[in-house]
PDB file of N, CA and C in Angstrom:
ATOM      1  N   MET A   1      -4.999  -5.161  13.394  1.00  0.00           N
ATOM      2  CA  MET A   1      -5.214  -6.183  13.879  1.00  0.00           C
ATOM      3  C   MET A   1      -6.535  -6.583  12.648  1.00  0.00           C
ATOM      4  N   LEU A   2      -6.959  -6.076  11.751  1.00  0.00           N
ATOM      5  CA  LEU A   2      -8.093  -6.472  11.222  1.00  0.00           C
ATOM      6  C   LEU A   2      -7.621  -6.649   9.835  1.00  0.00           C
ATOM      7  N   GLY A   3      -6.153  -6.741   9.630  1.00  0.00           N
ATOM      8  CA  GLY A   3      -5.871  -7.143   8.582  1.00  0.00           C
ATOM      9  C   GLY A   3      -5.027  -8.439   8.779  1.00  0.00           C
ATOM     10  N   GLY A   4      -4.638  -8.438  10.018  1.00  0.00           N
ATOM     11  CA  GLY A   4      -3.729 -10.030  10.161  1.00  0.00           C
ATOM     12  C   GLY A   4      -4.995 -11.299  10.233  1.00  0.00           C
ATOM     13  N   VAL A   5      -5.874 -10.922  10.691  1.00  0.00           N
ATOM     14  CA  VAL A   5      -7.118 -11.753  10.677  1.00  0.00           C
ATOM     15  C   VAL A   5      -7.625 -11.520   9.891  1.00  0.00           C
ATOM     16  N   LEU A   6      -7.754 -10.911   8.463  1.00  0.00           N
ATOM     17  CA  LEU A   6      -8.521 -11.544   7.384  1.00  0.00           C
ATOM     18  C   LEU A   6      -7.187 -12.330   6.744  1.00  0.00           C
ATOM     19  N   THR A   7      -6.120 -11.594   6.823  1.00  0.00           N
ATOM     20  CA  THR A   7      -5.007 -12.743   6.280  1.00  0.00           C
ATOM     21  C   THR A   7      -4.752 -13.970   6.949  1.00  0.00           C
ATOM     22  N   ALA A   8      -5.276 -13.998   7.866  1.00  0.00           N
ATOM     23  CA  ALA A   8      -5.022 -15.154   8.283  1.00  0.00           C
ATOM     24  C   ALA A   8      -6.013 -15.965   7.840  1.00  0.00           C
ATOM     25  N   TYR A   9      -7.469 -15.347   7.738  1.00  0.00           N
ATOM     26  CA  TYR A   9      -8.299 -16.171   7.601  1.00  0.00           C
ATOM     27  C   TYR A   9      -8.150 -16.413   5.789  1.00  0.00           C
ATOM     28  N   GLY A  10      -7.519 -15.074   4.971  1.00  0.00           N
ATOM     29  CA  GLY A  10      -7.815 -16.092   3.868  1.00  0.00           C
ATOM     30  C   GLY A  10      -6.431 -16.319   3.433  1.00  0.00           C
ATOM     31  N   ALA A  11      -5.746 -17.308   4.092  1.00  0.00           N
ATOM     32  CA  ALA A  11      -4.631 -18.690   4.191  1.00  0.00           C
ATOM     33  C   ALA A  11      -5.539 -19.318   4.454  1.00  0.00           C
ATOM     34  N   LEU A  12      -6.052 -19.715   5.492  1.00  0.00           N
ATOM     35  CA  LEU A  12      -7.116 -20.888   5.756  1.00  0.00           C
ATOM     36  C   LEU A  12      -7.927 -20.949   4.615  1.00  0.00           C
ATOM     37  N   ASP A  13      -8.329 -20.006   4.102  1.00  0.00           N
ATOM     38  CA  ASP A  13      -9.298 -20.388   3.271  1.00  0.00           C
ATOM     39  C   ASP A  13      -8.722 -20.566   1.325  1.00  0.00           C
ATOM     40  N   VAL A  14      -7.454 -19.999   1.281  1.00  0.00           N
ATOM     41  CA  VAL A  14      -6.904 -20.532  -0.075  1.00  0.00           C
ATOM     42  C   VAL A  14      -6.322 -22.232   0.359  1.00  0.00           C
ATOM     43  N   GLY A  15      -5.976 -22.635   1.741  1.00  0.00           N
ATOM     44  CA  GLY A  15      -5.322 -23.780   1.766  1.00  0.00           C
ATOM     45  C   GLY A  15      -6.375 -25.098   1.299  1.00  0.00           C
ATOM     46  N   VAL A  16      -7.977 -23.768   2.214  1.00  0.00           N
ATOM     47  CA  VAL A  16      -8.910 -25.397   1.266  1.00  0.00           C
ATOM     48  C   VAL A  16      -9.422 -25.684   0.201  1.00  0.00           C
ATOM     49  N   GLY A  17      -9.439 -24.201   0.018  1.00  0.00           N
ATOM     50  CA  GLY A  17     -10.378 -24.053  -1.282  1.00  0.00           C
ATOM     51  C   GLY A  17      -9.308 -24.238  -2.888  1.00  0.00           C
ATOM     52  N   LEU A  18      -8.145 -24.059  -2.430  1.00  0.00           N
ATOM     53  CA  LEU A  18      -7.436 -24.318  -3.798  1.00  0.00           C
ATOM     54  C   LEU A  18      -7.458 -25.469  -4.768  1.00  0.00           C
ATOM     55  N   PRO A  19      -7.665 -26.236  -4.010  1.00  0.00           N
ATOM     56  CA  PRO A  19      -8.058 -27.688  -4.468  1.00  0.00           C
ATOM     57  C   PRO A  19      -9.124 -28.081  -5.659  1.00  0.00           C
ATOM     58  N   ARG A  20      -9.974 -27.430  -5.090  1.00  0.00           N
ATOM     59  CA  ARG A  20     -10.971 -27.403  -5.971  1.00  0.00           C
ATOM     60  C   ARG A  20     -11.053 -26.081  -6.806  1.00  0.00           C
ATOM     61  N   CYS A  21     -10.697 -25.066  -6.792  1.00  0.00           N
ATOM     62  CA  CYS A  21     -10.752 -23.981  -7.199  1.00  0.00           C
ATOM     63  C   CYS A  21     -11.008 -24.363  -9.244  1.00  0.00           C
ATOM     64  N   GLU A  22      -9.945 -25.139  -9.409  1.00  0.00           N
ATOM     65  CA  GLU A  22     -10.862 -25.390 -10.782  1.00  0.00           C
ATOM     66  C   GLU A  22     -11.675 -26.326 -11.474  1.00  0.00           C
ATOM     67  N   THR A  23     -12.379 -26.892 -10.763  1.00  0.00           N
ATOM     68  CA  THR A  23     -13.672 -27.487 -10.798  1.00  0.00           C
ATOM     69  C   THR A  23     -14.901 -26.157 -10.744  1.00  0.00           C
ATOM     70  N   GLU A  24     -14.365 -25.729  -9.838  1.00  0.00           N
ATOM     71  CA  GLU A  24     -15.655 -24.837  -9.649  1.00  0.00           C
ATOM     72  C   GLU A  24     -16.009 -23.713 -10.244  1.00  0.00           C
ATOM     73  N   GLY A  25     -15.245 -23.422 -10.610  1.00  0.00           N
ATOM     74  CA  GLY A  25     -14.931 -22.225 -11.656  1.00  0.00           C
ATOM     75  C   GLY A  25     -14.154 -20.570 -11.019  1.00  0.00           C
ATOM     76  N   ALA A  26     -14.761 -19.753 -11.810  1.00  0.00           N
ATOM     77  CA  ALA A  26     -14.177 -18.361 -11.673  1.00  0.00           C
ATOM     78  C   ALA A  26     -14.266 -17.630 -10.338  1.00  0.00           C
ATOM     79  N   ALA A  27     -15.860 -17.486  -9.966  1.00  0.00           N
ATOM     80  CA  ALA A  27     -16.095 -17.012  -9.369  1.00  0.00           C
ATOM     81  C   ALA A  27     -15.790 -17.583  -7.777  1.00  0.00           C
ATOM     82  N   PHE A  28     -15.347 -19.087  -8.095  1.00  0.00           N
ATOM     83  CA  PHE A  28     -15.241 -19.514  -6.403  1.00  0.00           C
ATOM     84  C   PHE A  28     -13.754 -19.252  -6.365  1.00  0.00           C
ATOM     85  N   CYS A  29     -13.016 -19.657  -7.525  1.00  0.00           N
ATOM     86  CA  CYS A  29     -11.777 -18.868  -7.121  1.00  0.00           C
ATOM     87  C   CYS A  29     -11.163 -17.459  -6.693  1.00  0.00           C
ATOM     88  N   THR A  30     -12.271 -16.731  -6.879  1.00  0.00           N
ATOM     89  CA  THR A  30     -12.302 -15.344  -6.644  1.00  0.00           C
ATOM     90  C   THR A  30     -12.263 -15.076  -5.441  1.00  0.00           C
ATOM     91  N   GLY A  31     -13.732 -15.994  -4.644  1.00  0.00           N
ATOM     92  CA  GLY A  31     -14.204 -15.617  -3.523  1.00  0.00           C
ATOM     93  C   GLY A  31     -12.919 -16.253  -2.419  1.00  0.00           C
ATOM     94  N   VAL A  32     -12.227 -16.992  -2.947  1.00  0.00           N
ATOM     95  CA  VAL A  32     -11.085 -18.211  -2.086  1.00  0.00           C
ATOM     96  C   VAL A  32      -9.751 -17.132  -1.678  1.00  0.00           C
ATOM     97  N   PHE A  33      -9.392 -16.316  -3.018  1.00  0.00           N
ATOM     98  CA  PHE A  33      -8.280 -15.692  -2.874  1.00  0.00           C
ATOM     99  C   PHE A  33      -8.600 -14.003  -2.982  1.00  0.00           C
ATOM    100  N   LEU A  34      -9.836 -13.556  -2.449  1.00  0.00           N
ATOM    101  CA  LEU A  34     -10.425 -12.365  -2.062  1.00  0.00           C
ATOM    102  C   LEU A  34      -9.835 -11.764  -0.494  1.00  0.00           C
ATOM    103  N   PRO A  35     -10.149 -12.659   0.144  1.00  0.00           N
ATOM    104  CA  PRO A  35      -9.721 -12.551   1.862  1.00  0.00           C
ATOM    105  C   PRO A  35      -7.991 -12.023   1.718  1.00  0.00           C
ATOM    106  N   ILE A  36      -7.598 -12.749   1.156  1.00  0.00           N
ATOM    107  CA  ILE A  36      -5.533 -12.725   1.555  1.00  0.00           C
ATOM    108  C   ILE A  36      -5.564 -11.608   0.733  1.00  0.00           C
ATOM    109  N   GLY A  37      -6.551 -11.258  -0.620  1.00  0.00           N
ATOM    110  CA  GLY A  37      -5.809 -10.125  -1.754  1.00  0.00           C
ATOM    111  C   GLY A  37      -6.564  -8.960  -1.004  1.00  0.00           C
ATOM    112  N   ILE A  38      -7.034  -8.966  -0.113  1.00  0.00           N
ATOM    113  CA  ILE A  38      -7.027  -7.617   0.831  1.00  0.00           C
ATOM    114  C   ILE A  38      -6.871  -7.920   2.349  1.00  0.00           C
ATOM    115  N   GLY A  39      -6.480  -8.403   2.727  1.00  0.00           N
ATOM    116  CA  GLY A  39      -6.234  -8.585   4.121  1.00  0.00           C
ATOM    117  C   GLY A  39      -4.479  -7.962   3.943  1.00  0.00           C
ATOM    118  N   LEU A  40      -3.645  -8.694   3.559  1.00  0.00           N
ATOM    119  CA  LEU A  40      -2.067  -8.517   3.275  1.00  0.00           C
ATOM    120  C   LEU A  40      -2.382  -7.004   3.076  1.00  0.00           C
ATOM    121  N   PRO A  41      -2.665  -6.326   2.246  1.00  0.00           N
ATOM    122  CA  PRO A  41      -2.147  -4.731   2.175  1.00  0.00           C
ATOM    123  C   PRO A  41      -2.407  -4.432   3.608  1.00  0.00           C
ATOM    124  N   VAL A  42      -3.908  -4.377   3.494  1.00  0.00           N
ATOM    125  CA  VAL A  42      -4.298  -4.009   5.277  1.00  0.00           C
ATOM    126  C   VAL A  42      -3.263  -4.268   5.953  1.00  0.00           C
ATOM    127  N   MET A  43      -2.964  -5.574   6.127  1.00  0.00           N
ATOM    128  CA  MET A  43      -1.893  -5.920   7.520  1.00  0.00           C
ATOM    129  C   MET A  43      -1.059  -4.629   6.951  1.00  0.00           C
ATOM    130  N   ILE A  44       0.109  -4.874   5.739  1.00  0.00           N
ATOM    131  CA  ILE A  44       0.945  -3.616   5.661  1.00  0.00           C
ATOM    132  C   ILE A  44       1.032  -2.920   5.904  1.00  0.00           C
ATOM    133  N   TRP A  45       0.004  -1.820   5.632  1.00  0.00           N
ATOM    134  CA  TRP A  45      -0.471  -0.578   5.592  1.00  0.00           C
ATOM    135  C   TRP A  45      -0.440  -0.574   7.387  1.00  0.00           C
ATOM    136  N   GLY A  46      -1.409  -1.476   8.303  1.00  0.00           N
ATOM    137  CA  GLY A  46      -1.393  -0.897   9.713  1.00  0.00           C
ATOM    138  C   GLY A  46       0.049  -1.366  10.333  1.00  0.00           C
ATOM    139  N   ILE A  47       0.822  -2.186   9.549  1.00  0.00           N
ATOM    140  CA  ILE A  47       2.027  -2.269  10.347  1.00  0.00           C
ATOM    141  C   ILE A  47       3.342  -1.001  10.056  1.00  0.00           C
ATOM    142  N   ALA A  48       3.163  -0.566   8.526  1.00  0.00           N
ATOM    143  CA  ALA A  48       3.227   0.693   8.426  1.00  0.00           C
ATOM    144  C   ALA A  48       3.284   1.787   9.222  1.00  0.00           C
ATOM    145  N   THR A  49       2.051   1.885   9.098  1.00  0.00           N
ATOM    146  CA  THR A  49       1.846   3.001  10.334  1.00  0.00           C
ATOM    147  C   THR A  49       1.816   2.912  11.775  1.00  0.00           C
ATOM    148  N   ASN A  50       1.937   1.811  12.229  1.00  0.00           N
ATOM    149  CA  ASN A  50       2.104   1.500  13.521  1.00  0.00           C
ATOM    150  C   ASN A  50       3.329   2.034  14.023  1.00  0.00           C
ATOM    151  N   THR A  51       3.976   1.267  12.998  1.00  0.00           N
ATOM    152  CA  THR A  51       5.758   1.406  13.024  1.00  0.00           C
ATOM    153  C   THR A  51       6.307   3.224  13.059  1.00  0.00           C
ATOM    154  N   GLY A  52       5.457   4.100  12.185  1.00  0.00           N
ATOM    155  CA  GLY A  52       5.792   5.623  11.857  1.00  0.00           C
ATOM    156  C   GLY A  52       4.866   6.316  13.228  1.00  0.00           C
ATOM    157  N   SER A  53       3.916   5.468  13.597  1.00  0.00           N
ATOM    158  CA  SER A  53       3.773   6.261  15.047  1.00  0.00           C
ATOM    159  C   SER A  53       4.753   6.591  15.578  1.00  0.00           C
ATOM    160  N   ARG A  54       5.030   5.282  15.879  1.00  0.00           N
ATOM    161  CA  ARG A  54       5.543   4.393  17.438  1.00  0.00           C
ATOM    162  C   ARG A  54       7.376   5.833  17.481  1.00  0.00           C
ATOM    163  N   SER A  55       7.872   5.882  15.980  1.00  0.00           N
ATOM    164  CA  SER A  55       9.305   6.103  15.488  1.00  0.00           C
ATOM    165  C   SER A  55       8.523   7.848  15.828  1.00  0.00           C
ATOM    166  N   ALA A  56       7.787   8.528  15.728  1.00  0.00           N
ATOM    167  CA  ALA A  56       7.199   9.793  15.981  1.00  0.00           C
ATOM    168  C   ALA A  56       7.584  10.464  17.547  1.00  0.00           C
ATOM    169  N   VAL A  57       6.624   9.269  18.245  1.00  0.00           N
ATOM    170  CA  VAL A  57       6.464   9.879  19.278  1.00  0.00           C
ATOM    171  C   VAL A  57       7.648   9.657  20.206  1.00  0.00           C
ATOM    172  N   ASN A  58       8.952   8.900  19.685  1.00  0.00           N
ATOM    173  CA  ASN A  58       9.955   9.211  20.312  1.00  0.00           C
ATOM    174  C   ASN A  58      11.039  10.126  19.555  1.00  0.00           C
ATOM    175  N   GLU A  59      10.897  10.867  18.367  1.00  0.00           N
ATOM    176  CA  GLU A  59      11.265  11.773  18.182  1.00  0.00           C
ATOM    177  C   GLU A  59      11.027  13.218  19.104  1.00  0.00           C
ATOM    178  N   SER A  60      11.788  13.566  19.399  1.00  0.00           N
ATOM    179  CA  SER A  60      11.062  15.171  20.269  1.00  0.00           C
ATOM    180  C   SER A  60      12.173  16.303  18.876  1.00  0.00           C
ATOM    181  N   PRO A  61      10.961  17.372  18.582  1.00  0.00           N
ATOM    182  CA  PRO A  61      11.052  18.319  17.907  1.00  0.00           C
ATOM    183  C   PRO A  61      12.767  18.883  18.295  1.00  0.00           C
ATOM    184  N   VAL A  62      13.463  19.320  16.814  1.00  0.00           N
ATOM    185  CA  VAL A  62      14.709  20.181  17.405  1.00  0.00           C
ATOM    186  C   VAL A  62      14.358  21.736  17.767  1.00  0.00           C
ATOM    187  N   THR A  63      14.634  22.189  18.795  1.00  0.00           N
ATOM    188  CA  THR A  63      14.228  23.631  19.847  1.00  0.00           C
ATOM    189  C   THR A  63      14.156  24.416  18.579  1.00  0.00           C
ATOM    190  N   GLY A  64      14.948  24.725  17.260  1.00  0.00           N
ATOM    191  CA  GLY A  64      14.720  25.985  17.082  1.00  0.00           C
ATOM    192  C   GLY A  64      12.860  25.716  15.787  1.00  0.00           C
ATOM    193  N   GLN A  65      12.696  24.007  16.096  1.00  0.00           N
ATOM    194  CA  GLN A  65      11.440  24.125  14.939  1.00  0.00           C
ATOM    195  C   GLN A  65       9.950  24.168  15.952  1.00  0.00           C
ATOM    196  N   ARG A  66      10.363  23.965  16.797  1.00  0.00           N
ATOM    197  CA  ARG A  66       9.224  23.948  18.067  1.00  0.00           C
ATOM    198  C   ARG A  66       8.242  25.477  17.529  1.00  0.00           C
ATOM    199  N   GLY A  67       7.250  25.436  17.526  1.00  0.00           N
ATOM    200  CA  GLY A  67       6.291  26.225  17.363  1.00  0.00           C
ATOM    201  C   GLY A  67       5.703  27.109  18.594  1.00  0.00           C
ATOM    202  N   SER A  68       5.598  28.473  18.441  1.00  0.00           N
ATOM    203  CA  SER A  68       5.284  29.623  19.732  1.00  0.00           C
ATOM    204  C   SER A  68       4.502  30.358  19.137  1.00  0.00           C
ATOM    205  N   LEU A  69       3.484  30.712  20.292  1.00  0.00           N
ATOM    206  CA  LEU A  69       2.571  31.889  20.354  1.00  0.00           C
ATOM    207  C   LEU A  69       2.070  32.851  21.336  1.00  0.00           C
ATOM    208  N   PHE A  70       2.004  33.996  20.775  1.00  0.00           N
ATOM    209  CA  PHE A  70       2.071  35.053  21.553  1.00  0.00           C
ATOM    210  C   PHE A  70       0.889  35.622  21.811  1.00  0.00           C
ATOM    211  N   VAL A  71       0.711  36.659  22.278  1.00  0.00           N
ATOM    212  CA  VAL A  71      -0.334  37.454  22.649  1.00  0.00           C
ATOM    213  C   VAL A  71      -0.086  38.822  23.357  1.00  0.00           C
ATOM    214  N   VAL A  72      -0.542  39.833  21.980  1.00  0.00           N
ATOM    215  CA  VAL A  72       0.405  41.236  22.870  1.00  0.00           C
ATOM    216  C   VAL A  72      -1.140  42.239  22.409  1.00  0.00           C
ATOM    217  N   PRO A  73      -1.533  42.554  23.861  1.00  0.00           N
ATOM    218  CA  PRO A  73      -2.222  43.303  24.134  1.00  0.00           C
ATOM    219  C   PRO A  73      -2.212  45.051  23.111  1.00  0.00           C
ATOM    220  N   THR A  74      -3.256  45.463  22.725  1.00  0.00           N
ATOM    221  CA  THR A  74      -2.833  46.727  21.541  1.00  0.00           C
ATOM    222  C   THR A  74      -3.558  48.048  22.369  1.00  0.00           C
ATOM    223  N   HIS A  75      -3.096  49.024  22.442  1.00  0.00           N
ATOM    224  CA  HIS A  75      -4.191  50.401  22.420  1.00  0.00           C
ATOM    225  C   HIS A  75      -5.568  50.504  21.886  1.00  0.00           C
ATOM    226  N   GLN A  76      -4.890  50.294  20.571  1.00  0.00           N
ATOM    227  CA  GLN A  76      -6.565  50.519  19.534  1.00  0.00           C
ATOM    228  C   GLN A  76      -6.870  48.986  18.552  1.00  0.00           C
ATOM    229  N   PHE A  77      -7.873  48.890  18.276  1.00  0.00           N
ATOM    230  CA  PHE A  77      -8.381  48.192  17.112  1.00  0.00           C
ATOM    231  C   PHE A  77      -8.840  48.373  16.238  1.00  0.00           C
ATOM    232  N   ALA A  78      -8.388  47.695  14.801  1.00  0.00           N
ATOM    233  CA  ALA A  78      -9.389  48.003  13.814  1.00  0.00           C
ATOM    234  C   ALA A  78      -8.957  49.750  13.686  1.00  0.00           C
ATOM    235  N   GLY A  79      -8.051  50.388  13.984  1.00  0.00           N
ATOM    236  CA  GLY A  79      -7.302  51.555  13.541  1.00  0.00           C
ATOM    237  C   GLY A  79      -8.446  52.741  14.621  1.00  0.00           C
ATOM    238  N   ARG A  80      -8.829  52.151  15.341  1.00  0.00           N
ATOM    239  CA  ARG A  80      -9.871  52.785  16.373  1.00  0.00           C
ATOM    240  C   ARG A  80      -8.830  52.823  17.881  1.00  0.00           C
ATOM    241  N   PRO A  81      -8.658  54.111  18.174  1.00  0.00           N
ATOM    242  CA  PRO A  81      -7.877  54.175  19.146  1.00  0.00           C
ATOM    243  C   PRO A  81      -8.382  54.305  20.333  1.00  0.00           C
ATOM    244  N   ASP A  82      -9.803  53.884  20.569  1.00  0.00           N
ATOM    245  CA  ASP A  82     -10.951  54.258  21.810  1.00  0.00           C
ATOM    246  C   ASP A  82     -11.053  52.529  21.728  1.00  0.00           C
ATOM    247  N   THR A  83     -10.647  51.983  21.146  1.00  0.00           N
ATOM    248  CA  THR A  83     -10.771  50.030  21.298  1.00  0.00           C
ATOM    249  C   THR A  83     -10.032  49.473  21.377  1.00  0.00           C
ATOM    250  N   PRO A  84      -9.983  48.599  22.831  1.00  0.00           N
ATOM    251  CA  PRO A  84      -8.559  47.788  22.836  1.00  0.00           C
ATOM    252  C   PRO A  84      -8.789  46.754  22.261  1.00  0.00           C
ATOM    253  N   GLY A  85      -7.406  45.771  22.496  1.00  0.00           N
ATOM    254  CA  GLY A  85      -7.642  44.821  21.434  1.00  0.00           C
ATOM    255  C   GLY A  85      -6.142  43.768  21.937  1.00  0.00           C
ATOM    256  N   VAL A  86      -6.592  42.799  21.518  1.00  0.00           N
ATOM    257  CA  VAL A  86      -4.842  42.019  21.281  1.00  0.00           C
ATOM    258  C   VAL A  86      -4.408  41.480  19.668  1.00  0.00           C
ATOM    259  N   SER A  87      -3.229  41.513  19.619  1.00  0.00           N
ATOM    260  CA  SER A  87      -2.871  40.710  18.821  1.00  0.00           C
ATOM    261  C   SER A  87      -1.904  39.175  18.450  1.00  0.00           C
ATOM    262  N   LEU A  88      -2.236  38.486  18.403  1.00  0.00           N
ATOM    263  CA  LEU A  88      -1.988  37.341  17.786  1.00  0.00           C
ATOM    264  C   LEU A  88      -1.251  36.801  17.494  1.00  0.00           C
ATOM    265  N   GLY A  89       0.337  36.059  17.109  1.00  0.00           N
ATOM    266  CA  GLY A  89       1.236  35.841  16.210  1.00  0.00           C
ATOM    267  C   GLY A  89       1.660  34.562  16.920  1.00  0.00           C
ATOM    268  N   GLY A  90       2.527  34.080  15.616  1.00  0.00           N
ATOM    269  CA  GLY A  90       2.953  32.679  16.397  1.00  0.00           C
ATOM    270  C   GLY A  90       3.955  32.093  15.252  1.00  0.00           C
ATOM    271  N   THR A  91       5.143  30.582  15.284  1.00  0.00           N
ATOM    272  CA  THR A  91       5.612  30.156  14.368  1.00  0.00           C
ATOM    273  C   THR A  91       5.271  28.922  14.478  1.00  0.00           C
ATOM    274  N   PHE A  92       5.130  28.501  13.353  1.00  0.00           N
ATOM    275  CA  PHE A  92       4.245  26.918  13.217  1.00  0.00           C
ATOM    276  C   PHE A  92       5.031  26.060  12.347  1.00  0.00           C
TER     277      PHE A  92
END
């Protein structure tokens, strides 16, 4: 959203400031084109990120690729038989 607002402002700024660009100098021209130069890539990045996120939500993982976690109680911990413990494992 920020990229779209900055791009719209930059387009308006270019439309208004372009005719004065030659008479005002390089610093003025930089200020005229800077908002659209920053806003357009931010807007493209935002659209690409949003599209990628929406498509990732709609896709469910394949059954064989789902992660699993298991907890197994053990009768010893750190090689000592009198200390109970658990073993954790899983696939991701």
